[in-house]
Amino acid sequence: MKKYLIIFLLCSATTLLFTAHFVFAVGTVIDEHSAALRLSEQLEENLETSPLNLKVRRLTLEGSQVSSEFASNLLMLISHELKSNKDDFPSVGELTRGLTRGGLTILPNPDDDPQAQDAFLEGTYRKVGEQVVVQLRLVAEDGTSVSRGEVSIPVSGVKHELLPPNLLLVQKVEKTAAQSEVPAPKDFAIELGLNKADGAVFREGEELKIYFRSEEDCYLLLWYQDVVGNHYILYPETETQRKTKLKAGINHKLPKNFNLEVSCDPACGAEIVWAFASTKPIQMSGSVDDLHGSGLRGYPASVSLENILGQQRAIKRRTKKAEAMVYLTTVKK
């Protein structure tokens, strides 16, 4: 009896060890390259429908709207792997947006299959102890999930920065924005968007396009917060623009008079585009001309965000107003 019991316990222990090892082997990989390979395999194995024109949307730090060089590199590797599966993914490319007669829309990849549906790759990652857990999903146009993947990577196997260098600044900005005088609910709808998905990565040298639309004629203050907290005013560019309302129902590409190119001077990291719209001309007290030799008017980092926000949110209550913000993360080439 004891002999049988010992054999049973040994077999059970062996089964548990094998099962634990199998789960570990499936869920954990050694580095970013093997993570991309395994995630690609999972996305293909779990696919519920095909063929799909795949648009790579974003991979962001869990609980935030910021990304990183790690995320950018991993998505690039996954895209490369999925491109080899032409049956399920006849087209794989980064999500881009632009203006059409219907407004801001997702642009097709050059090699889109007209017979295939569109699907979007997005996900989050988080650090758990000495592991980085990545969760990805493919979503259809209606938002339903059509595939999933998840892996764990040892921190020692990650060769790219997991966090934007200025994450603490972004968190401080978000806290300040929440604690400042709370703005009234939007009095009218506005839309603020970029030529990539909100929260996406832009590489140094890429063009950044900003789109704005309002349901009412309005005055607009549009500024760009860089990695160290400077706020460059992108619109209005002139006093005439400051005193002229933007027409409602029109998709405006801003700024109007020049193109924006992503720069890593002084550094790259998480950055923010802010929009303040109102039916009364905006004020720019405290801003300076030619901020840091940029040719743009703006607020240096020494001007507190509380003062800037207070100036825009303190517009008289009878004046209609609205605000919006979008994130992007810039990385080196």
Foldseek 3Di string as FASTA:
>chain_A
DVVVVVVVVVVVVVVVVVVVVVCCVLAADAALLVQLVSFLVQQVVQFQDDQEAEAEAFEEAPPDLAFFPLRVVSVVSNLVVNCVVCGNHVHYYHWFWDQDPVGIDTDGDPRDDPVTFYKYKYWYWYDDPQKIKTKIFIAGPVGHTRGIGIHIYGVVRYDTDGAFPLPVVVVVVVVLQVPADDFDPAPWDKDKDWRGHFSEEDEAFDWIKIKMATQAWWAKWKWKAASLGWTFTFPPQDPVSLPGTDHHPDIDITDDPDIDGDHQVVHWFKMKMKMKIKRDRADDPQWDACVVVPRTITHGNVDDPSVVVCRRRVPDPVIGMDMDMTMYTYDYD
